[in-house]
Amino acid sequence: YLVDLDAMALDDPALDVGATLWWYYPE
């Protein structure tokens, strides 16, 4: 589940994807 939706907005998909990749996946 995804929680804490306060920061949601129409935005560049690179924001969510970049944070996920950089913090949690090897390149």
mmCIF file of all heavy atoms, coordinates in Angstrom:
data_MODEL
# 
_entry.id   MODEL 
# 
loop_
_atom_site.group_PDB 
_atom_site.id 
_atom_site.type_symbol 
_atom_site.label_atom_id 
_atom_site.label_alt_id 
_atom_site.label_comp_id 
_atom_site.label_asym_id 
_atom_site.label_entity_id 
_atom_site.label_seq_id 
_atom_site.pdbx_PDB_ins_code 
_atom_site.Cartn_x 
_atom_site.Cartn_y 
_atom_site.Cartn_z 
_atom_site.occupancy 
_atom_site.B_iso_or_equiv 
_atom_site.pdbx_formal_charge 
_atom_site.auth_seq_id 
_atom_site.auth_comp_id 
_atom_site.auth_asym_id 
_atom_site.auth_atom_id 
_atom_site.pdbx_PDB_model_num 
ATOM 1   N N   . TYR A 1 1  ? 0.843  -1.186 0.000   1.00 0.00 ? 1  TYR A N   1 
ATOM 2   C CA  . TYR A 1 1  ? 0.000  0.000  0.000   1.00 0.00 ? 1  TYR A CA  1 
ATOM 3   C C   . TYR A 1 1  ? 0.885  1.244  0.000   1.00 0.00 ? 1  TYR A C   1 
ATOM 4   O O   . TYR A 1 1  ? 1.947  1.275  0.643   1.00 0.00 ? 1  TYR A O   1 
ATOM 5   C CB  . TYR A 1 1  ? -0.880 0.053  1.250   1.00 0.00 ? 1  TYR A CB  1 
ATOM 6   C CG  . TYR A 1 1  ? -1.974 -0.976 1.322   1.00 0.00 ? 1  TYR A CG  1 
ATOM 7   C CD1 . TYR A 1 1  ? -1.886 -2.051 2.207   1.00 0.00 ? 1  TYR A CD1 1 
ATOM 8   C CD2 . TYR A 1 1  ? -3.114 -0.875 0.526   1.00 0.00 ? 1  TYR A CD2 1 
ATOM 9   C CE1 . TYR A 1 1  ? -2.898 -2.994 2.289   1.00 0.00 ? 1  TYR A CE1 1 
ATOM 10  C CE2 . TYR A 1 1  ? -4.132 -1.807 0.599   1.00 0.00 ? 1  TYR A CE2 1 
ATOM 11  C CZ  . TYR A 1 1  ? -4.024 -2.869 1.487   1.00 0.00 ? 1  TYR A CZ  1 
ATOM 12  O OH  . TYR A 1 1  ? -5.031 -3.791 1.568   1.00 0.00 ? 1  TYR A OH  1 
ATOM 13  N N   . LEU A 1 2  ? 0.426  2.279  -0.697  1.00 0.00 ? 2  LEU A N   1 
ATOM 14  C CA  . LEU A 1 2  ? 1.040  3.596  -0.618  1.00 0.00 ? 2  LEU A CA  1 
ATOM 15  C C   . LEU A 1 2  ? 0.235  4.448  0.355   1.00 0.00 ? 2  LEU A C   1 
ATOM 16  O O   . LEU A 1 2  ? -0.998 4.471  0.301   1.00 0.00 ? 2  LEU A O   1 
ATOM 17  C CB  . LEU A 1 2  ? 1.047  4.268  -1.987  1.00 0.00 ? 2  LEU A CB  1 
ATOM 18  C CG  . LEU A 1 2  ? 2.264  3.983  -2.859  1.00 0.00 ? 2  LEU A CG  1 
ATOM 19  C CD1 . LEU A 1 2  ? 1.992  4.402  -4.296  1.00 0.00 ? 2  LEU A CD1 1 
ATOM 20  C CD2 . LEU A 1 2  ? 3.494  4.694  -2.315  1.00 0.00 ? 2  LEU A CD2 1 
ATOM 21  N N   . VAL A 1 3  ? 0.935  5.141  1.256   1.00 0.00 ? 3  VAL A N   1 
ATOM 22  C CA  . VAL A 1 3  ? 0.274  5.975  2.249   1.00 0.00 ? 3  VAL A CA  1 
ATOM 23  C C   . VAL A 1 3  ? 0.899  7.367  2.234   1.00 0.00 ? 3  VAL A C   1 
ATOM 24  O O   . VAL A 1 3  ? 1.842  7.627  1.506   1.00 0.00 ? 3  VAL A O   1 
ATOM 25  C CB  . VAL A 1 3  ? 0.368  5.337  3.659   1.00 0.00 ? 3  VAL A CB  1 
ATOM 26  C CG1 . VAL A 1 3  ? -0.338 3.989  3.674   1.00 0.00 ? 3  VAL A CG1 1 
ATOM 27  C CG2 . VAL A 1 3  ? 1.831  5.175  4.091   1.00 0.00 ? 3  VAL A CG2 1 
ATOM 28  N N   . ASP A 1 4  ? 0.343  8.256  3.038   1.00 0.00 ? 4  ASP A N   1 
ATOM 29  C CA  . ASP A 1 4  ? 0.771  9.657  3.118   1.00 0.00 ? 4  ASP A CA  1 
ATOM 30  C C   . ASP A 1 4  ? 0.731  10.293 1.729   1.00 0.00 ? 4  ASP A C   1 
ATOM 31  O O   . ASP A 1 4  ? 1.747  10.468 1.061   1.00 0.00 ? 4  ASP A O   1 
ATOM 32  C CB  . ASP A 1 4  ? 2.160  9.784  3.727   1.00 0.00 ? 4  ASP A CB  1 
ATOM 33  C CG  . ASP A 1 4  ? 2.457  11.225 4.140   1.00 0.00 ? 4  ASP A CG  1 
ATOM 34  O OD1 . ASP A 1 4  ? 1.659  12.123 3.799   1.00 0.00 ? 4  ASP A OD1 1 
ATOM 35  O OD2 . ASP A 1 4  ? 3.476  11.464 4.808   1.00 0.00 ? 4  ASP A OD2 1 
ATOM 36  N N   . LEU A 1 5  ? -0.473 10.662 1.301   1.00 0.00 ? 5  LEU A N   1 
ATOM 37  C CA  . LEU A 1 5  ? -0.706 11.156 -0.051  1.00 0.00 ? 5  LEU A CA  1 
ATOM 38  C C   . LEU A 1 5  ? -0.732 12.680 -0.132  1.00 0.00 ? 5  LEU A C   1 
ATOM 39  O O   . LEU A 1 5  ? -1.175 13.238 -1.127  1.00 0.00 ? 5  LEU A O   1 
ATOM 40  C CB  . LEU A 1 5  ? -2.027 10.579 -0.580  1.00 0.00 ? 5  LEU A CB  1 
ATOM 41  C CG  . LEU A 1 5  ? -2.196 9.062  -0.437  1.00 0.00 ? 5  LEU A CG  1 
ATOM 42  C CD1 . LEU A 1 5  ? -3.554 8.629  -0.999  1.00 0.00 ? 5  LEU A CD1 1 
ATOM 43  C CD2 . LEU A 1 5  ? -1.059 8.299  -1.106  1.00 0.00 ? 5  LEU A CD2 1 
ATOM 44  N N   . ASP A 1 6  ? -0.236 13.350 0.902   1.00 0.00 ? 6  ASP A N   1 
ATOM 45  C CA  . ASP A 1 6  ? -0.328 14.813 0.965   1.00 0.00 ? 6  ASP A CA  1 
ATOM 46  C C   . ASP A 1 6  ? 0.443  15.508 -0.144  1.00 0.00 ? 6  ASP A C   1 
ATOM 47  O O   . ASP A 1 6  ? 0.072  16.602 -0.573  1.00 0.00 ? 6  ASP A O   1 
ATOM 48  C CB  . ASP A 1 6  ? 0.177  15.322 2.321   1.00 0.00 ? 6  ASP A CB  1 
ATOM 49  C CG  . ASP A 1 6  ? -0.639 14.795 3.486   1.00 0.00 ? 6  ASP A CG  1 
ATOM 50  O OD1 . ASP A 1 6  ? -1.845 14.562 3.297   1.00 0.00 ? 6  ASP A OD1 1 
ATOM 51  O OD2 . ASP A 1 6  ? -0.073 14.612 4.577   1.00 0.00 ? 6  ASP A OD2 1 
ATOM 52  N N   . ALA A 1 7  ? 1.548  14.915 -0.593  1.00 0.00 ? 7  ALA A N   1 
ATOM 53  C CA  . ALA A 1 7  ? 2.395  15.574 -1.594  1.00 0.00 ? 7  ALA A CA  1 
ATOM 54  C C   . ALA A 1 7  ? 1.989  15.243 -3.026  1.00 0.00 ? 7  ALA A C   1 
ATOM 55  O O   . ALA A 1 7  ? 2.651  15.697 -3.967  1.00 0.00 ? 7  ALA A O   1 
ATOM 56  C CB  . ALA A 1 7  ? 3.858  15.180 -1.379  1.00 0.00 ? 7  ALA A CB  1 
ATOM 57  N N   . MET A 1 8  ? 0.918  14.502 -3.231  1.00 0.00 ? 8  MET A N   1 
ATOM 58  C CA  . MET A 1 8  ? 0.525  14.119 -4.582  1.00 0.00 ? 8  MET A CA  1 
ATOM 59  C C   . MET A 1 8  ? 0.204  15.332 -5.438  1.00 0.00 ? 8  MET A C   1 
ATOM 60  O O   . MET A 1 8  ? -0.361 16.310 -4.958  1.00 0.00 ? 8  MET A O   1 
ATOM 61  C CB  . MET A 1 8  ? -0.677 13.176 -4.552  1.00 0.00 ? 8  MET A CB  1 
ATOM 62  C CG  . MET A 1 8  ? -0.354 11.778 -4.076  1.00 0.00 ? 8  MET A CG  1 
ATOM 63  S SD  . MET A 1 8  ? -1.694 10.593 -4.414  1.00 0.00 ? 8  MET A SD  1 
ATOM 64  C CE  . MET A 1 8  ? -1.441 10.313 -6.174  1.00 0.00 ? 8  MET A CE  1 
ATOM 65  N N   . ALA A 1 9  ? 0.578  15.232 -6.701  1.00 0.00 ? 9  ALA A N   1 
ATOM 66  C CA  . ALA A 1 9  ? 0.335  16.327 -7.649  1.00 0.00 ? 9  ALA A CA  1 
ATOM 67  C C   . ALA A 1 9  ? 0.499  15.782 -9.059  1.00 0.00 ? 9  ALA A C   1 
ATOM 68  O O   . ALA A 1 9  ? 1.059  14.697 -9.262  1.00 0.00 ? 9  ALA A O   1 
ATOM 69  C CB  . ALA A 1 9  ? 1.326  17.466 -7.412  1.00 0.00 ? 9  ALA A CB  1 
ATOM 70  N N   . LEU A 1 10 ? 0.012  16.536 -10.032 1.00 0.00 ? 10 LEU A N   1 
ATOM 71  C CA  . LEU A 1 10 ? 0.333  16.236 -11.422 1.00 0.00 ? 10 LEU A CA  1 
ATOM 72  C C   . LEU A 1 10 ? 1.784  16.648 -11.645 1.00 0.00 ? 10 LEU A C   1 
ATOM 73  O O   . LEU A 1 10 ? 2.130  17.820 -11.491 1.00 0.00 ? 10 LEU A O   1 
ATOM 74  C CB  . LEU A 1 10 ? -0.594 16.988 -12.367 1.00 0.00 ? 10 LEU A CB  1 
ATOM 75  C CG  . LEU A 1 10 ? -2.061 16.557 -12.335 1.00 0.00 ? 10 LEU A CG  1 
ATOM 76  C CD1 . LEU A 1 10 ? -2.880 17.403 -13.288 1.00 0.00 ? 10 LEU A CD1 1 
ATOM 77  C CD2 . LEU A 1 10 ? -2.206 15.080 -12.671 1.00 0.00 ? 10 LEU A CD2 1 
ATOM 78  N N   . ASP A 1 11 ? 2.634  15.693 -11.975 1.00 0.00 ? 11 ASP A N   1 
ATOM 79  C CA  . ASP A 1 11 ? 4.061  15.987 -12.021 1.00 0.00 ? 11 ASP A CA  1 
ATOM 80  C C   . ASP A 1 11 ? 4.759  15.063 -13.002 1.00 0.00 ? 11 ASP A C   1 
ATOM 81  O O   . ASP A 1 11 ? 4.159  14.150 -13.578 1.00 0.00 ? 11 ASP A O   1 
ATOM 82  C CB  . ASP A 1 11 ? 4.669  15.847 -10.619 1.00 0.00 ? 11 ASP A CB  1 
ATOM 83  C CG  . ASP A 1 11 ? 5.829  16.810 -10.384 1.00 0.00 ? 11 ASP A CG  1 
ATOM 84  O OD1 . ASP A 1 11 ? 6.562  17.098 -11.350 1.00 0.00 ? 11 ASP A OD1 1 
ATOM 85  O OD2 . ASP A 1 11 ? 6.008  17.266 -9.235  1.00 0.00 ? 11 ASP A OD2 1 
ATOM 86  N N   . ASP A 1 12 ? 6.045  15.320 -13.155 1.00 0.00 ? 12 ASP A N   1 
ATOM 87  C CA  . ASP A 1 12 ? 6.905  14.536 -14.020 1.00 0.00 ? 12 ASP A CA  1 
ATOM 88  C C   . ASP A 1 12 ? 7.040  13.120 -13.439 1.00 0.00 ? 12 ASP A C   1 
ATOM 89  O O   . ASP A 1 12 ? 7.382  12.962 -12.268 1.00 0.00 ? 12 ASP A O   1 
ATOM 90  C CB  . ASP A 1 12 ? 8.273  15.218 -14.066 1.00 0.00 ? 12 ASP A CB  1 
ATOM 91  C CG  . ASP A 1 12 ? 9.218  14.626 -15.086 1.00 0.00 ? 12 ASP A CG  1 
ATOM 92  O OD1 . ASP A 1 12 ? 9.057  13.448 -15.453 1.00 0.00 ? 12 ASP A OD1 1 
ATOM 93  O OD2 . ASP A 1 12 ? 10.155 15.349 -15.492 1.00 0.00 ? 12 ASP A OD2 1 
ATOM 94  N N   . PRO A 1 13 ? 6.790  12.077 -14.239 1.00 0.00 ? 13 PRO A N   1 
ATOM 95  C CA  . PRO A 1 13 ? 6.954  10.716 -13.715 1.00 0.00 ? 13 PRO A CA  1 
ATOM 96  C C   . PRO A 1 13 ? 8.376  10.424 -13.250 1.00 0.00 ? 13 PRO A C   1 
ATOM 97  O O   . PRO A 1 13 ? 8.597  9.535  -12.417 1.00 0.00 ? 13 PRO A O   1 
ATOM 98  C CB  . PRO A 1 13 ? 6.573  9.821  -14.894 1.00 0.00 ? 13 PRO A CB  1 
ATOM 99  C CG  . PRO A 1 13 ? 6.700  10.691 -16.107 1.00 0.00 ? 13 PRO A CG  1 
ATOM 100 C CD  . PRO A 1 13 ? 6.337  12.067 -15.640 1.00 0.00 ? 13 PRO A CD  1 
ATOM 101 N N   . ALA A 1 14 ? 9.346  11.186 -13.737 1.00 0.00 ? 14 ALA A N   1 
ATOM 102 C CA  . ALA A 1 14 ? 10.737 10.971 -13.335 1.00 0.00 ? 14 ALA A CA  1 
ATOM 103 C C   . ALA A 1 14 ? 10.951 11.257 -11.848 1.00 0.00 ? 14 ALA A C   1 
ATOM 104 O O   . ALA A 1 14 ? 11.928 10.769 -11.265 1.00 0.00 ? 14 ALA A O   1 
ATOM 105 C CB  . ALA A 1 14 ? 11.659 11.860 -14.172 1.00 0.00 ? 14 ALA A CB  1 
ATOM 106 N N   . LEU A 1 15 ? 10.052 12.023 -11.220 1.00 0.00 ? 15 LEU A N   1 
ATOM 107 C CA  . LEU A 1 15 ? 10.200 12.306 -9.791  1.00 0.00 ? 15 LEU A CA  1 
ATOM 108 C C   . LEU A 1 15 ? 10.030 11.031 -8.975  1.00 0.00 ? 15 LEU A C   1 
ATOM 109 O O   . LEU A 1 15 ? 10.912 10.648 -8.197  1.00 0.00 ? 15 LEU A O   1 
ATOM 110 C CB  . LEU A 1 15 ? 9.177  13.358 -9.369  1.00 0.00 ? 15 LEU A CB  1 
ATOM 111 C CG  . LEU A 1 15 ? 9.037  13.611 -7.864  1.00 0.00 ? 15 LEU A CG  1 
ATOM 112 C CD1 . LEU A 1 15 ? 10.352 14.075 -7.254  1.00 0.00 ? 15 LEU A CD1 1 
ATOM 113 C CD2 . LEU A 1 15 ? 7.934  14.635 -7.602  1.00 0.00 ? 15 LEU A CD2 1 
ATOM 114 N N   . ASP A 1 16 ? 8.897  10.332 -9.128  1.00 0.00 ? 16 ASP A N   1 
ATOM 115 C CA  . ASP A 1 16 ? 8.656  9.097  -8.376  1.00 0.00 ? 16 ASP A CA  1 
ATOM 116 C C   . ASP A 1 16 ? 9.632  8.000  -8.774  1.00 0.00 ? 16 ASP A C   1 
ATOM 117 O O   . ASP A 1 16 ? 10.175 7.288  -7.922  1.00 0.00 ? 16 ASP A O   1 
ATOM 118 C CB  . ASP A 1 16 ? 7.234  8.593  -8.619  1.00 0.00 ? 16 ASP A CB  1 
ATOM 119 C CG  . ASP A 1 16 ? 6.174  9.390  -7.876  1.00 0.00 ? 16 ASP A CG  1 
ATOM 120 O OD1 . ASP A 1 16 ? 6.512  10.137 -6.947  1.00 0.00 ? 16 ASP A OD1 1 
ATOM 121 O OD2 . ASP A 1 16 ? 4.984  9.246  -8.235  1.00 0.00 ? 16 ASP A OD2 1 
ATOM 122 N N   . VAL A 1 17 ? 9.852  7.855  -10.070 1.00 0.00 ? 17 VAL A N   1 
ATOM 123 C CA  . VAL A 1 17 ? 10.694 6.762  -10.546 1.00 0.00 ? 17 VAL A CA  1 
ATOM 124 C C   . VAL A 1 17 ? 12.141 6.978  -10.107 1.00 0.00 ? 17 VAL A C   1 
ATOM 125 O O   . VAL A 1 17 ? 12.810 6.044  -9.640  1.00 0.00 ? 17 VAL A O   1 
ATOM 126 C CB  . VAL A 1 17 ? 10.598 6.633  -12.073 1.00 0.00 ? 17 VAL A CB  1 
ATOM 127 C CG1 . VAL A 1 17 ? 11.603 5.610  -12.601 1.00 0.00 ? 17 VAL A CG1 1 
ATOM 128 C CG2 . VAL A 1 17 ? 9.186  6.230  -12.478 1.00 0.00 ? 17 VAL A CG2 1 
ATOM 129 N N   . GLY A 1 18 ? 12.630 8.201  -10.226 1.00 0.00 ? 18 GLY A N   1 
ATOM 130 C CA  . GLY A 1 18 ? 14.014 8.476  -9.844  1.00 0.00 ? 18 GLY A CA  1 
ATOM 131 C C   . GLY A 1 18 ? 14.278 8.226  -8.379  1.00 0.00 ? 18 GLY A C   1 
ATOM 132 O O   . GLY A 1 18 ? 15.295 7.624  -8.004  1.00 0.00 ? 18 GLY A O   1 
ATOM 133 N N   . ALA A 1 19 ? 13.361 8.679  -7.508  1.00 0.00 ? 19 ALA A N   1 
ATOM 134 C CA  . ALA A 1 19 ? 13.540 8.461  -6.079  1.00 0.00 ? 19 ALA A CA  1 
ATOM 135 C C   . ALA A 1 19 ? 13.537 6.975  -5.753  1.00 0.00 ? 19 ALA A C   1 
ATOM 136 O O   . ALA A 1 19 ? 14.345 6.489  -4.943  1.00 0.00 ? 19 ALA A O   1 
ATOM 137 C CB  . ALA A 1 19 ? 12.438 9.181  -5.302  1.00 0.00 ? 19 ALA A CB  1 
ATOM 138 N N   . THR A 1 20 ? 12.640 6.226  -6.384  1.00 0.00 ? 20 THR A N   1 
ATOM 139 C CA  . THR A 1 20 ? 12.557 4.784  -6.134  1.00 0.00 ? 20 THR A CA  1 
ATOM 140 C C   . THR A 1 20 ? 13.830 4.080  -6.581  1.00 0.00 ? 20 THR A C   1 
ATOM 141 O O   . THR A 1 20 ? 14.401 3.253  -5.841  1.00 0.00 ? 20 THR A O   1 
ATOM 142 C CB  . THR A 1 20 ? 11.336 4.193  -6.866  1.00 0.00 ? 20 THR A CB  1 
ATOM 143 O OG1 . THR A 1 20 ? 10.148 4.856  -6.409  1.00 0.00 ? 20 THR A OG1 1 
ATOM 144 C CG2 . THR A 1 20 ? 11.211 2.706  -6.595  1.00 0.00 ? 20 THR A CG2 1 
ATOM 145 N N   . LEU A 1 21 ? 14.295 4.393  -7.772  1.00 0.00 ? 21 LEU A N   1 
ATOM 146 C CA  . LEU A 1 21 ? 15.494 3.730  -8.286  1.00 0.00 ? 21 LEU A CA  1 
ATOM 147 C C   . LEU A 1 21 ? 16.714 4.072  -7.442  1.00 0.00 ? 21 LEU A C   1 
ATOM 148 O O   . LEU A 1 21 ? 17.494 3.193  -7.061  1.00 0.00 ? 21 LEU A O   1 
ATOM 149 C CB  . LEU A 1 21 ? 15.727 4.130  -9.748  1.00 0.00 ? 21 LEU A CB  1 
ATOM 150 C CG  . LEU A 1 21 ? 14.711 3.610  -10.768 1.00 0.00 ? 21 LEU A CG  1 
ATOM 151 C CD1 . LEU A 1 21 ? 15.049 4.134  -12.156 1.00 0.00 ? 21 LEU A CD1 1 
ATOM 152 C CD2 . LEU A 1 21 ? 14.662 2.094  -10.755 1.00 0.00 ? 21 LEU A CD2 1 
ATOM 153 N N   . TRP A 1 22 ? 16.921 5.336  -7.161  1.00 0.00 ? 22 TRP A N   1 
ATOM 154 C CA  . TRP A 1 22 ? 18.164 5.770  -6.503  1.00 0.00 ? 22 TRP A CA  1 
ATOM 155 C C   . TRP A 1 22 ? 18.270 5.246  -5.080  1.00 0.00 ? 22 TRP A C   1 
ATOM 156 O O   . TRP A 1 22 ? 19.342 4.865  -4.632  1.00 0.00 ? 22 TRP A O   1 
ATOM 157 C CB  . TRP A 1 22 ? 18.247 7.294  -6.530  1.00 0.00 ? 22 TRP A CB  1 
ATOM 158 C CG  . TRP A 1 22 ? 19.571 7.851  -6.121  1.00 0.00 ? 22 TRP A CG  1 
ATOM 159 C CD1 . TRP A 1 22 ? 20.751 7.770  -6.805  1.00 0.00 ? 22 TRP A CD1 1 
ATOM 160 C CD2 . TRP A 1 22 ? 19.842 8.612  -4.946  1.00 0.00 ? 22 TRP A CD2 1 
ATOM 161 N NE1 . TRP A 1 22 ? 21.744 8.438  -6.130  1.00 0.00 ? 22 TRP A NE1 1 
ATOM 162 C CE2 . TRP A 1 22 ? 21.212 8.967  -4.985  1.00 0.00 ? 22 TRP A CE2 1 
ATOM 163 C CE3 . TRP A 1 22 ? 19.072 9.048  -3.866  1.00 0.00 ? 22 TRP A CE3 1 
ATOM 164 C CZ2 . TRP A 1 22 ? 21.822 9.722  -3.992  1.00 0.00 ? 22 TRP A CZ2 1 
ATOM 165 C CZ3 . TRP A 1 22 ? 19.667 9.800  -2.881  1.00 0.00 ? 22 TRP A CZ3 1 
ATOM 166 C CH2 . TRP A 1 22 ? 21.026 10.139 -2.934  1.00 0.00 ? 22 TRP A CH2 1 
ATOM 167 N N   . TRP A 1 23 ? 17.156 5.238  -4.380  1.00 0.00 ? 23 TRP A N   1 
ATOM 168 C CA  . TRP A 1 23 ? 17.198 4.819  -2.987  1.00 0.00 ? 23 TRP A CA  1 
ATOM 169 C C   . TRP A 1 23 ? 17.190 3.302  -2.823  1.00 0.00 ? 23 TRP A C   1 
ATOM 170 O O   . TRP A 1 23 ? 17.760 2.792  -1.854  1.00 0.00 ? 23 TRP A O   1 
ATOM 171 C CB  . TRP A 1 23 ? 16.023 5.418  -2.223  1.00 0.00 ? 23 TRP A CB  1 
ATOM 172 C CG  . TRP A 1 23 ? 16.290 6.785  -1.671  1.00 0.00 ? 23 TRP A CG  1 
ATOM 173 C CD1 . TRP A 1 23 ? 17.437 7.234  -1.085  1.00 0.00 ? 23 TRP A CD1 1 
ATOM 174 C CD2 . TRP A 1 23 ? 15.391 7.890  -1.657  1.00 0.00 ? 23 TRP A CD2 1 
ATOM 175 N NE1 . TRP A 1 23 ? 17.314 8.545  -0.715  1.00 0.00 ? 23 TRP A NE1 1 
ATOM 176 C CE2 . TRP A 1 23 ? 16.064 8.979  -1.057  1.00 0.00 ? 23 TRP A CE2 1 
ATOM 177 C CE3 . TRP A 1 23 ? 14.074 8.069  -2.090  1.00 0.00 ? 23 TRP A CE3 1 
ATOM 178 C CZ2 . TRP A 1 23 ? 15.469 10.222 -0.866  1.00 0.00 ? 23 TRP A CZ2 1 
ATOM 179 C CZ3 . TRP A 1 23 ? 13.479 9.315  -1.903  1.00 0.00 ? 23 TRP A CZ3 1 
ATOM 180 C CH2 . TRP A 1 23 ? 14.172 10.370 -1.305  1.00 0.00 ? 23 TRP A CH2 1 
ATOM 181 N N   . TYR A 1 24 ? 16.561 2.573  -3.733  1.00 0.00 ? 24 TYR A N   1 
ATOM 182 C CA  . TYR A 1 24 ? 16.261 1.170  -3.412  1.00 0.00 ? 24 TYR A CA  1 
ATOM 183 C C   . TYR A 1 24 ? 16.720 0.128  -4.415  1.00 0.00 ? 24 TYR A C   1 
ATOM 184 O O   . TYR A 1 24 ? 16.594 -1.067 -4.133  1.00 0.00 ? 24 TYR A O   1 
ATOM 185 C CB  . TYR A 1 24 ? 14.747 1.017  -3.180  1.00 0.00 ? 24 TYR A CB  1 
ATOM 186 C CG  . TYR A 1 24 ? 14.239 2.024  -2.173  1.00 0.00 ? 24 TYR A CG  1 
ATOM 187 C CD1 . TYR A 1 24 ? 13.311 2.991  -2.521  1.00 0.00 ? 24 TYR A CD1 1 
ATOM 188 C CD2 . TYR A 1 24 ? 14.731 2.020  -0.874  1.00 0.00 ? 24 TYR A CD2 1 
ATOM 189 C CE1 . TYR A 1 24 ? 12.872 3.939  -1.605  1.00 0.00 ? 24 TYR A CE1 1 
ATOM 190 C CE2 . TYR A 1 24 ? 14.306 2.964  0.051   1.00 0.00 ? 24 TYR A CE2 1 
ATOM 191 C CZ  . TYR A 1 24 ? 13.377 3.918  -0.327  1.00 0.00 ? 24 TYR A CZ  1 
ATOM 192 O OH  . TYR A 1 24 ? 12.961 4.860  0.584   1.00 0.00 ? 24 TYR A OH  1 
ATOM 193 N N   . TYR A 1 25 ? 17.262 0.518  -5.562  1.00 0.00 ? 25 TYR A N   1 
ATOM 194 C CA  . TYR A 1 25 ? 17.658 -0.477 -6.554  1.00 0.00 ? 25 TYR A CA  1 
ATOM 195 C C   . TYR A 1 25 ? 19.095 -0.240 -7.017  1.00 0.00 ? 25 TYR A C   1 
ATOM 196 O O   . TYR A 1 25 ? 19.495 0.910  -7.254  1.00 0.00 ? 25 TYR A O   1 
ATOM 197 C CB  . TYR A 1 25 ? 16.730 -0.420 -7.774  1.00 0.00 ? 25 TYR A CB  1 
ATOM 198 C CG  . TYR A 1 25 ? 15.347 -0.952 -7.505  1.00 0.00 ? 25 TYR A CG  1 
ATOM 199 C CD1 . TYR A 1 25 ? 14.290 -0.089 -7.259  1.00 0.00 ? 25 TYR A CD1 1 
ATOM 200 C CD2 . TYR A 1 25 ? 15.107 -2.324 -7.479  1.00 0.00 ? 25 TYR A CD2 1 
ATOM 201 C CE1 . TYR A 1 25 ? 13.013 -0.573 -6.986  1.00 0.00 ? 25 TYR A CE1 1 
ATOM 202 C CE2 . TYR A 1 25 ? 13.837 -2.824 -7.214  1.00 0.00 ? 25 TYR A CE2 1 
ATOM 203 C CZ  . TYR A 1 25 ? 12.798 -1.943 -6.965  1.00 0.00 ? 25 TYR A CZ  1 
ATOM 204 O OH  . TYR A 1 25 ? 11.550 -2.430 -6.691  1.00 0.00 ? 25 TYR A OH  1 
ATOM 205 N N   . PRO A 1 26 ? 19.851 -1.322 -7.219  1.00 0.00 ? 26 PRO A N   1 
ATOM 206 C CA  . PRO A 1 26 ? 21.163 -1.159 -7.854  1.00 0.00 ? 26 PRO A CA  1 
ATOM 207 C C   . PRO A 1 26 ? 20.965 -0.752 -9.313  1.00 0.00 ? 26 PRO A C   1 
ATOM 208 O O   . PRO A 1 26 ? 19.960 -1.089 -9.940  1.00 0.00 ? 26 PRO A O   1 
ATOM 209 C CB  . PRO A 1 26 ? 21.777 -2.558 -7.737  1.00 0.00 ? 26 PRO A CB  1 
ATOM 210 C CG  . PRO A 1 26 ? 20.611 -3.491 -7.636  1.00 0.00 ? 26 PRO A CG  1 
ATOM 211 C CD  . PRO A 1 26 ? 19.539 -2.723 -6.906  1.00 0.00 ? 26 PRO A CD  1 
ATOM 212 N N   . GLU A 1 27 ? 21.935 -0.057 -9.862  1.00 0.00 ? 27 GLU A N   1 
ATOM 213 C CA  . GLU A 1 27 ? 21.755 0.524  -11.193 1.00 0.00 ? 27 GLU A CA  1 
ATOM 214 C C   . GLU A 1 27 ? 21.535 -0.539 -12.274 1.00 0.00 ? 27 GLU A C   1 
ATOM 215 O O   . GLU A 1 27 ? 20.885 -0.262 -13.284 1.00 0.00 ? 27 GLU A O   1 
ATOM 216 C CB  . GLU A 1 27 ? 22.949 1.403  -11.559 1.00 0.00 ? 27 GLU A CB  1 
ATOM 217 C CG  . GLU A 1 27 ? 22.710 2.234  -12.802 1.00 0.00 ? 27 GLU A CG  1 
ATOM 218 C CD  . GLU A 1 27 ? 23.704 3.358  -12.981 1.00 0.00 ? 27 GLU A CD  1 
ATOM 219 O OE1 . GLU A 1 27 ? 24.585 3.516  -12.128 1.00 0.00 ? 27 GLU A OE1 1 
ATOM 220 O OE2 . GLU A 1 27 ? 23.578 4.079  -13.991 1.00 0.00 ? 27 GLU A OE2 1 
# 
